[in-house]
Amino acid sequence: MPAQDIKHATLHLERTCEAPVERVFAVFADPVARAEWGAPSETVAFVYDEADFREGGRDVFRCGDKANPQYRGVTTYLQIVPDQRIISSEVVETHGQKLLVTLATIVFQPNARGTTVSLTAQLTSLAGEDMLEGAKFGHNASLDNLVQATR
């Protein structure tokens, strides 16, 4: 793979959910709920083939266009502190080719309106800038959906 295809980005995203921390964290912990709000748009499929939300556990999912969810992802949970934070790594690939590697930290903090959810993600794309843009869009849209899901 040419070195020019490798790109990096760091995301810092924040949303306020009008729900207590325990409820917002529970929506992250539940793979059925996560699949519902995790799809960034109505045209995208987000399907869990395996879900093991615990430290050392992993989720295996498929995503992409509803007609062809060609991307396979594996999320590994490195640390879970209930109602406080989740630290995970993720690899996204298609047809055996790695496309994106992510290290993410999600922090849940109570505030006067409910819960502040802060996501910091370090992204390494092995397939150029388009993968980074797709990840940025996906994370932003999923967090917007999370706000709606916890109302």
N, C-alpha and C. Protein backbone atom coordinates (compact mmCIF):
# COMPACT_ATOMS: atom_id res chain seq x y z
N MET A 1 0.84 -1.18 0.00
CA MET A 1 0.00 0.00 0.00
C MET A 1 0.89 1.24 0.00
N PRO A 2 0.68 2.15 -0.93
CA PRO A 2 1.50 3.37 -0.99
C PRO A 2 1.36 4.20 0.28
N ALA A 3 2.47 4.78 0.74
CA ALA A 3 2.46 5.59 1.96
C ALA A 3 1.50 6.77 1.86
N GLN A 4 1.28 7.29 0.66
CA GLN A 4 0.40 8.45 0.52
C GLN A 4 -1.06 8.10 0.84
N ASP A 5 -1.40 6.81 0.85
CA ASP A 5 -2.76 6.39 1.20
C ASP A 5 -3.01 6.42 2.70
N ILE A 6 -1.93 6.48 3.51
CA ILE A 6 -2.09 6.49 4.96
C ILE A 6 -2.33 7.94 5.41
N LYS A 7 -3.46 8.13 6.09
CA LYS A 7 -3.85 9.44 6.58
C LYS A 7 -4.25 9.33 8.04
N HIS A 8 -4.11 10.41 8.78
CA HIS A 8 -4.43 10.41 10.21
C HIS A 8 -5.36 11.58 10.54
N ALA A 9 -6.16 11.38 11.58
CA ALA A 9 -7.01 12.46 12.08
C ALA A 9 -7.33 12.17 13.54
N THR A 10 -7.59 13.23 14.26
CA THR A 10 -8.08 13.11 15.63
C THR A 10 -9.40 13.86 15.72
N LEU A 11 -10.40 13.17 16.22
CA LEU A 11 -11.72 13.77 16.40
C LEU A 11 -11.96 14.09 17.87
N HIS A 12 -12.54 15.24 18.13
CA HIS A 12 -13.03 15.60 19.46
C HIS A 12 -14.47 16.04 19.26
N LEU A 13 -15.40 15.20 19.66
CA LEU A 13 -16.82 15.49 19.47
C LEU A 13 -17.52 15.46 20.82
N GLU A 14 -18.55 16.30 20.95
CA GLU A 14 -19.27 16.37 22.21
C GLU A 14 -20.75 16.61 21.93
N ARG A 15 -21.58 15.94 22.71
CA ARG A 15 -23.02 16.13 22.62
C ARG A 15 -23.59 16.15 24.03
N THR A 16 -24.75 16.79 24.17
CA THR A 16 -25.48 16.77 25.43
C THR A 16 -26.77 15.99 25.23
N CYS A 17 -26.95 14.97 26.05
CA CYS A 17 -28.17 14.16 26.04
C CYS A 17 -29.02 14.60 27.22
N GLU A 18 -30.30 14.77 26.99
CA GLU A 18 -31.21 15.17 28.05
C GLU A 18 -31.72 13.94 28.79
N ALA A 19 -30.78 13.20 29.35
CA ALA A 19 -31.08 11.99 30.11
C ALA A 19 -29.95 11.80 31.11
N PRO A 20 -30.23 11.10 32.21
CA PRO A 20 -29.17 10.85 33.18
C PRO A 20 -28.08 9.94 32.62
N VAL A 21 -26.89 10.04 33.21
CA VAL A 21 -25.73 9.27 32.75
C VAL A 21 -26.07 7.78 32.66
N GLU A 22 -26.76 7.24 33.64
CA GLU A 22 -27.06 5.81 33.67
C GLU A 22 -27.85 5.38 32.43
N ARG A 23 -28.80 6.22 32.02
CA ARG A 23 -29.60 5.89 30.83
C ARG A 23 -28.76 5.96 29.56
N VAL A 24 -27.95 7.01 29.44
CA VAL A 24 -27.12 7.17 28.23
C VAL A 24 -26.11 6.03 28.14
N PHE A 25 -25.48 5.69 29.25
CA PHE A 25 -24.52 4.58 29.24
C PHE A 25 -25.22 3.28 28.86
N ALA A 26 -26.42 3.06 29.38
CA ALA A 26 -27.17 1.83 29.09
C ALA A 26 -27.47 1.71 27.60
N VAL A 27 -27.71 2.82 26.93
CA VAL A 27 -27.99 2.80 25.49
C VAL A 27 -26.72 2.42 24.71
N PHE A 28 -25.54 2.76 25.24
CA PHE A 28 -24.28 2.31 24.64
C PHE A 28 -24.08 0.83 24.89
N ALA A 29 -24.39 0.37 26.09
CA ALA A 29 -24.11 -1.01 26.48
C ALA A 29 -25.01 -2.02 25.77
N ASP A 30 -26.19 -1.61 25.36
CA ASP A 30 -27.17 -2.51 24.74
C ASP A 30 -26.93 -2.57 23.23
N PRO A 31 -26.49 -3.73 22.69
CA PRO A 31 -26.19 -3.80 21.26
C PRO A 31 -27.41 -3.59 20.36
N VAL A 32 -28.60 -3.94 20.82
CA VAL A 32 -29.80 -3.70 20.01
C VAL A 32 -30.04 -2.20 19.87
N ALA A 33 -29.95 -1.48 20.99
CA ALA A 33 -30.12 -0.03 20.94
C ALA A 33 -29.00 0.62 20.13
N ARG A 34 -27.76 0.14 20.33
CA ARG A 34 -26.61 0.70 19.63
C ARG A 34 -26.74 0.54 18.11
N ALA A 35 -27.27 -0.59 17.68
CA ALA A 35 -27.46 -0.81 16.24
C ALA A 35 -28.49 0.16 15.68
N GLU A 36 -29.49 0.53 16.49
CA GLU A 36 -30.52 1.45 16.02
C GLU A 36 -30.00 2.87 15.87
N TRP A 37 -29.31 3.38 16.88
CA TRP A 37 -28.84 4.77 16.77
C TRP A 37 -27.46 4.87 16.11
N GLY A 38 -26.75 3.74 15.97
CA GLY A 38 -25.41 3.77 15.43
C GLY A 38 -25.32 3.98 13.93
N ALA A 39 -26.38 3.63 13.19
CA ALA A 39 -26.37 3.85 11.74
C ALA A 39 -26.47 5.34 11.47
N PRO A 40 -25.54 5.92 10.72
CA PRO A 40 -25.53 7.37 10.54
C PRO A 40 -26.64 7.92 9.65
N SER A 41 -27.31 7.07 8.88
CA SER A 41 -28.41 7.55 8.05
C SER A 41 -29.36 6.38 7.75
N GLU A 42 -30.49 6.70 7.19
CA GLU A 42 -31.48 5.67 6.87
C GLU A 42 -31.06 4.77 5.70
N THR A 43 -30.06 5.18 4.95
CA THR A 43 -29.62 4.38 3.81
C THR A 43 -28.47 3.42 4.18
N VAL A 44 -28.03 3.49 5.43
CA VAL A 44 -26.88 2.71 5.87
C VAL A 44 -27.32 1.58 6.80
N ALA A 45 -26.76 0.40 6.57
CA ALA A 45 -27.00 -0.75 7.45
C ALA A 45 -25.91 -0.78 8.51
N PHE A 46 -26.28 -1.18 9.73
CA PHE A 46 -25.34 -1.37 10.82
C PHE A 46 -25.82 -2.59 11.58
N VAL A 47 -25.16 -3.74 11.38
CA VAL A 47 -25.64 -5.03 11.89
C VAL A 47 -24.56 -5.68 12.74
N TYR A 48 -24.92 -6.07 13.95
CA TYR A 48 -23.98 -6.79 14.80
C TYR A 48 -24.09 -8.29 14.54
N ASP A 49 -22.95 -8.92 14.24
CA ASP A 49 -22.89 -10.37 14.13
C ASP A 49 -22.49 -10.99 15.46
N GLU A 50 -21.73 -10.24 16.25
CA GLU A 50 -21.35 -10.63 17.61
C GLU A 50 -21.36 -9.37 18.46
N ALA A 51 -21.78 -9.50 19.71
CA ALA A 51 -21.74 -8.36 20.63
C ALA A 51 -21.35 -8.87 22.01
N ASP A 52 -20.25 -8.35 22.52
CA ASP A 52 -19.74 -8.76 23.83
C ASP A 52 -19.21 -7.52 24.54
N PHE A 53 -20.14 -6.75 25.11
CA PHE A 53 -19.81 -5.48 25.75
C PHE A 53 -19.30 -5.74 27.17
N ARG A 54 -18.01 -5.94 27.26
CA ARG A 54 -17.31 -6.10 28.54
C ARG A 54 -15.84 -5.85 28.26
N GLU A 55 -15.08 -5.54 29.31
CA GLU A 55 -13.65 -5.36 29.12
C GLU A 55 -13.07 -6.63 28.52
N GLY A 56 -12.32 -6.49 27.45
CA GLY A 56 -11.75 -7.63 26.74
C GLY A 56 -12.70 -8.24 25.73
N GLY A 57 -13.96 -7.83 25.76
CA GLY A 57 -14.95 -8.33 24.81
C GLY A 57 -14.80 -7.63 23.47
N ARG A 58 -15.53 -8.15 22.50
CA ARG A 58 -15.47 -7.52 21.18
C ARG A 58 -16.81 -7.63 20.49
N ASP A 59 -17.05 -6.63 19.67
CA ASP A 59 -18.21 -6.63 18.78
C ASP A 59 -17.70 -6.84 17.37
N VAL A 60 -18.44 -7.61 16.60
CA VAL A 60 -18.15 -7.79 15.18
C VAL A 60 -19.39 -7.30 14.45
N PHE A 61 -19.20 -6.38 13.51
CA PHE A 61 -20.35 -5.79 12.83
C PHE A 61 -20.09 -5.63 11.35
N ARG A 62 -21.18 -5.44 10.62
CA ARG A 62 -21.12 -5.10 9.20
C ARG A 62 -21.82 -3.77 9.02
N CYS A 63 -21.30 -2.97 8.10
CA CYS A 63 -21.93 -1.69 7.81
C CYS A 63 -21.68 -1.31 6.36
N GLY A 64 -22.41 -0.32 5.93
CA GLY A 64 -22.33 0.15 4.55
C GLY A 64 -23.72 0.35 4.01
N ASP A 65 -23.82 0.51 2.73
CA ASP A 65 -25.11 0.68 2.09
C ASP A 65 -26.04 -0.48 2.45
N LYS A 66 -27.32 -0.18 2.70
CA LYS A 66 -28.25 -1.23 3.10
C LYS A 66 -28.29 -2.40 2.11
N ALA A 67 -28.11 -2.11 0.84
CA ALA A 67 -28.14 -3.16 -0.17
C ALA A 67 -26.86 -3.99 -0.16
N ASN A 68 -25.78 -3.43 0.40
CA ASN A 68 -24.49 -4.12 0.39
C ASN A 68 -23.61 -3.63 1.55
N PRO A 69 -23.86 -4.10 2.76
CA PRO A 69 -22.99 -3.69 3.88
C PRO A 69 -21.62 -4.38 3.80
N GLN A 70 -20.77 -3.87 2.92
CA GLN A 70 -19.53 -4.55 2.56
C GLN A 70 -18.39 -4.34 3.55
N TYR A 71 -18.56 -3.46 4.54
CA TYR A 71 -17.49 -3.22 5.50
C TYR A 71 -17.69 -4.09 6.73
N ARG A 72 -16.61 -4.68 7.21
CA ARG A 72 -16.64 -5.49 8.43
C ARG A 72 -15.80 -4.78 9.47
N GLY A 73 -16.33 -4.66 10.66
CA GLY A 73 -15.61 -4.01 11.75
C GLY A 73 -15.52 -4.90 12.97
N VAL A 74 -14.44 -4.72 13.70
CA VAL A 74 -14.25 -5.41 14.97
C VAL A 74 -13.86 -4.36 16.00
N THR A 75 -14.70 -4.22 17.01
CA THR A 75 -14.43 -3.32 18.12
C THR A 75 -13.99 -4.16 19.31
N THR A 76 -12.88 -3.79 19.93
CA THR A 76 -12.39 -4.47 21.13
C THR A 76 -12.46 -3.47 22.28
N TYR A 77 -13.10 -3.89 23.38
CA TYR A 77 -13.27 -3.01 24.54
C TYR A 77 -12.07 -3.16 25.46
N LEU A 78 -11.29 -2.09 25.58
CA LEU A 78 -10.06 -2.10 26.37
C LEU A 78 -10.33 -1.75 27.82
N GLN A 79 -11.26 -0.81 28.05
CA GLN A 79 -11.66 -0.46 29.40
C GLN A 79 -13.10 0.01 29.39
N ILE A 80 -13.87 -0.48 30.35
CA ILE A 80 -15.25 -0.02 30.54
C ILE A 80 -15.41 0.29 32.02
N VAL A 81 -15.71 1.54 32.31
CA VAL A 81 -16.03 1.96 33.67
C VAL A 81 -17.49 2.41 33.60
N PRO A 82 -18.41 1.58 34.11
CA PRO A 82 -19.84 1.88 33.97
C PRO A 82 -20.18 3.32 34.37
N ASP A 83 -20.98 3.95 33.52
CA ASP A 83 -21.47 5.31 33.72
C ASP A 83 -20.38 6.38 33.70
N GLN A 84 -19.15 6.00 33.29
CA GLN A 84 -18.06 6.97 33.24
C GLN A 84 -17.33 7.01 31.90
N ARG A 85 -16.84 5.84 31.43
CA ARG A 85 -16.06 5.87 30.18
C ARG A 85 -15.98 4.50 29.54
N ILE A 86 -15.69 4.56 28.23
CA ILE A 86 -15.44 3.37 27.41
C ILE A 86 -14.21 3.68 26.56
N ILE A 87 -13.23 2.80 26.60
CA ILE A 87 -12.06 2.93 25.73
C ILE A 87 -12.02 1.70 24.85
N SER A 88 -11.94 1.93 23.53
CA SER A 88 -11.98 0.80 22.60
C SER A 88 -11.08 1.04 21.41
N SER A 89 -10.76 -0.07 20.75
CA SER A 89 -10.06 0.01 19.46
C SER A 89 -10.99 -0.61 18.43
N GLU A 90 -10.79 -0.21 17.18
CA GLU A 90 -11.66 -0.73 16.12
C GLU A 90 -10.86 -0.85 14.83
N VAL A 91 -11.12 -1.92 14.11
CA VAL A 91 -10.53 -2.12 12.79
C VAL A 91 -11.68 -2.33 11.82
N VAL A 92 -11.64 -1.60 10.71
CA VAL A 92 -12.65 -1.74 9.66
C VAL A 92 -11.93 -2.22 8.40
N GLU A 93 -12.52 -3.23 7.76
CA GLU A 93 -11.92 -3.79 6.57
C GLU A 93 -12.99 -4.16 5.56
N THR A 94 -12.56 -4.45 4.36
CA THR A 94 -13.44 -5.01 3.34
C THR A 94 -12.63 -5.99 2.53
N HIS A 95 -13.21 -7.14 2.25
CA HIS A 95 -12.56 -8.18 1.46
C HIS A 95 -11.15 -8.49 1.98
N GLY A 96 -10.99 -8.50 3.31
CA GLY A 96 -9.70 -8.84 3.91
C GLY A 96 -8.68 -7.72 3.91
N GLN A 97 -9.03 -6.55 3.39
CA GLN A 97 -8.10 -5.42 3.36
C GLN A 97 -8.46 -4.43 4.46
N LYS A 98 -7.52 -4.17 5.37
CA LYS A 98 -7.74 -3.20 6.43
C LYS A 98 -7.84 -1.80 5.83
N LEU A 99 -8.86 -1.05 6.28
CA LEU A 99 -9.09 0.29 5.77
C LEU A 99 -8.90 1.37 6.82
N LEU A 100 -9.30 1.07 8.07
CA LEU A 100 -9.32 2.10 9.11
C LEU A 100 -9.06 1.46 10.46
N VAL A 101 -8.19 2.10 11.25
CA VAL A 101 -7.93 1.68 12.62
C VAL A 101 -8.20 2.87 13.52
N THR A 102 -8.94 2.62 14.62
CA THR A 102 -9.35 3.70 15.50
C THR A 102 -9.08 3.33 16.95
N LEU A 103 -8.63 4.30 17.73
CA LEU A 103 -8.59 4.20 19.18
C LEU A 103 -9.52 5.29 19.69
N ALA A 104 -10.55 4.89 20.46
CA ALA A 104 -11.58 5.85 20.88
C ALA A 104 -11.77 5.82 22.39
N THR A 105 -12.01 6.99 22.95
CA THR A 105 -12.38 7.15 24.34
C THR A 105 -13.69 7.92 24.38
N ILE A 106 -14.68 7.35 25.07
CA ILE A 106 -15.97 8.01 25.23
C ILE A 106 -16.15 8.25 26.72
N VAL A 107 -16.41 9.50 27.08
CA VAL A 107 -16.56 9.89 28.48
C VAL A 107 -17.99 10.39 28.69
N PHE A 108 -18.60 9.96 29.80
CA PHE A 108 -19.97 10.35 30.17
C PHE A 108 -19.87 11.18 31.45
N GLN A 109 -20.38 12.42 31.38
CA GLN A 109 -20.33 13.29 32.56
C GLN A 109 -21.69 13.92 32.78
N PRO A 110 -22.16 13.88 34.03
CA PRO A 110 -23.44 14.54 34.31
C PRO A 110 -23.30 16.06 34.17
N ASN A 111 -24.38 16.69 33.72
CA ASN A 111 -24.42 18.15 33.65
C ASN A 111 -25.84 18.59 34.04
N ALA A 112 -26.07 19.86 34.05
CA ALA A 112 -27.37 20.38 34.50
C ALA A 112 -28.52 19.93 33.61
N ARG A 113 -28.26 19.61 32.35
CA ARG A 113 -29.32 19.20 31.41
C ARG A 113 -29.42 17.69 31.26
N GLY A 114 -28.45 16.94 31.78
CA GLY A 114 -28.46 15.49 31.62
C GLY A 114 -27.06 14.95 31.61
N THR A 115 -26.54 14.64 30.41
CA THR A 115 -25.23 14.00 30.27
C THR A 115 -24.46 14.61 29.10
N THR A 116 -23.22 14.93 29.36
CA THR A 116 -22.31 15.30 28.28
C THR A 116 -21.57 14.05 27.85
N VAL A 117 -21.63 13.75 26.57
CA VAL A 117 -20.90 12.63 25.98
C VAL A 117 -19.77 13.22 25.15
N SER A 118 -18.54 12.87 25.53
CA SER A 118 -17.37 13.36 24.81
C SER A 118 -16.66 12.18 24.15
N LEU A 119 -16.40 12.30 22.87
CA LEU A 119 -15.70 11.27 22.11
C LEU A 119 -14.39 11.84 21.60
N THR A 120 -13.30 11.16 21.90
CA THR A 120 -12.01 11.48 21.29
C THR A 120 -11.58 10.22 20.56
N ALA A 121 -11.33 10.36 19.27
CA ALA A 121 -10.95 9.21 18.45
C ALA A 121 -9.72 9.56 17.62
N GLN A 122 -8.74 8.67 17.68
CA GLN A 122 -7.55 8.80 16.85
C GLN A 122 -7.71 7.82 15.71
N LEU A 123 -7.73 8.35 14.50
CA LEU A 123 -8.02 7.55 13.31
C LEU A 123 -6.77 7.41 12.44
N THR A 124 -6.56 6.20 11.96
CA THR A 124 -5.54 5.96 10.94
C THR A 124 -6.23 5.29 9.77
N SER A 125 -6.26 5.99 8.65
CA SER A 125 -6.83 5.43 7.44
C SER A 125 -5.72 4.82 6.61
N LEU A 126 -5.94 3.60 6.18
CA LEU A 126 -5.01 2.93 5.29
C LEU A 126 -5.49 2.99 3.85
N ALA A 127 -6.55 3.79 3.64
CA ALA A 127 -7.16 3.88 2.32
C ALA A 127 -7.43 5.33 1.91
N GLY A 128 -6.64 6.24 2.41
CA GLY A 128 -6.75 7.62 1.98
C GLY A 128 -7.77 8.45 2.76
N GLU A 129 -7.94 9.66 2.30
CA GLU A 129 -8.76 10.68 2.97
C GLU A 129 -10.24 10.33 3.03
N ASP A 130 -10.76 9.61 2.03
CA ASP A 130 -12.19 9.30 2.02
C ASP A 130 -12.63 8.49 3.24
N MET A 131 -11.79 7.58 3.71
CA MET A 131 -12.13 6.80 4.90
C MET A 131 -12.21 7.70 6.13
N LEU A 132 -11.32 8.67 6.23
CA LEU A 132 -11.37 9.61 7.35
C LEU A 132 -12.65 10.43 7.31
N GLU A 133 -13.00 10.91 6.13
CA GLU A 133 -14.22 11.71 6.00
C GLU A 133 -15.45 10.88 6.34
N GLY A 134 -15.46 9.62 5.91
CA GLY A 134 -16.58 8.74 6.23
C GLY A 134 -16.69 8.49 7.73
N ALA A 135 -15.56 8.30 8.39
CA ALA A 135 -15.56 8.08 9.84
C ALA A 135 -16.03 9.33 10.58
N LYS A 136 -15.57 10.49 10.14
CA LYS A 136 -16.02 11.75 10.78
C LYS A 136 -17.52 11.91 10.63
N PHE A 137 -18.02 11.70 9.44
CA PHE A 137 -19.46 11.80 9.21
C PHE A 137 -20.21 10.80 10.08
N GLY A 138 -19.74 9.56 10.09
CA GLY A 138 -20.42 8.50 10.84
C GLY A 138 -20.47 8.78 12.33
N HIS A 139 -19.35 9.20 12.91
CA HIS A 139 -19.32 9.50 14.34
C HIS A 139 -20.24 10.68 14.68
N ASN A 140 -20.17 11.73 13.88
CA ASN A 140 -21.05 12.89 14.13
C ASN A 140 -22.53 12.52 14.04
N ALA A 141 -22.89 11.82 12.99
CA ALA A 141 -24.30 11.46 12.80
C ALA A 141 -24.77 10.49 13.87
N SER A 142 -23.93 9.53 14.26
CA SER A 142 -24.31 8.57 15.30
C SER A 142 -24.52 9.28 16.63
N LEU A 143 -23.66 10.23 16.97
CA LEU A 143 -23.85 10.97 18.22
C LEU A 143 -25.13 11.81 18.17
N ASP A 144 -25.44 12.38 17.02
CA ASP A 144 -26.72 13.10 16.87
C ASP A 144 -27.88 12.15 17.11
N ASN A 145 -27.78 10.94 16.57
CA ASN A 145 -28.83 9.93 16.76
C ASN A 145 -28.93 9.51 18.24
N LEU A 146 -27.79 9.43 18.91
CA LEU A 146 -27.78 9.09 20.33
C LEU A 146 -28.58 10.12 21.13
N VAL A 147 -28.39 11.38 20.82
CA VAL A 147 -29.14 12.43 21.52
C VAL A 147 -30.63 12.19 21.38
N GLN A 148 -31.07 11.86 20.15
CA GLN A 148 -32.49 11.60 19.91
C GLN A 148 -32.94 10.32 20.62
N ALA A 149 -32.11 9.30 20.64
CA ALA A 149 -32.48 8.01 21.23
C ALA A 149 -32.63 8.07 22.74
N THR A 150 -32.01 9.06 23.37
CA THR A 150 -32.07 9.14 24.84
C THR A 150 -33.07 10.19 25.32
N ARG A 151 -33.87 10.72 24.44
CA ARG A 151 -34.89 11.70 24.86
C ARG A 151 -36.03 11.03 25.53
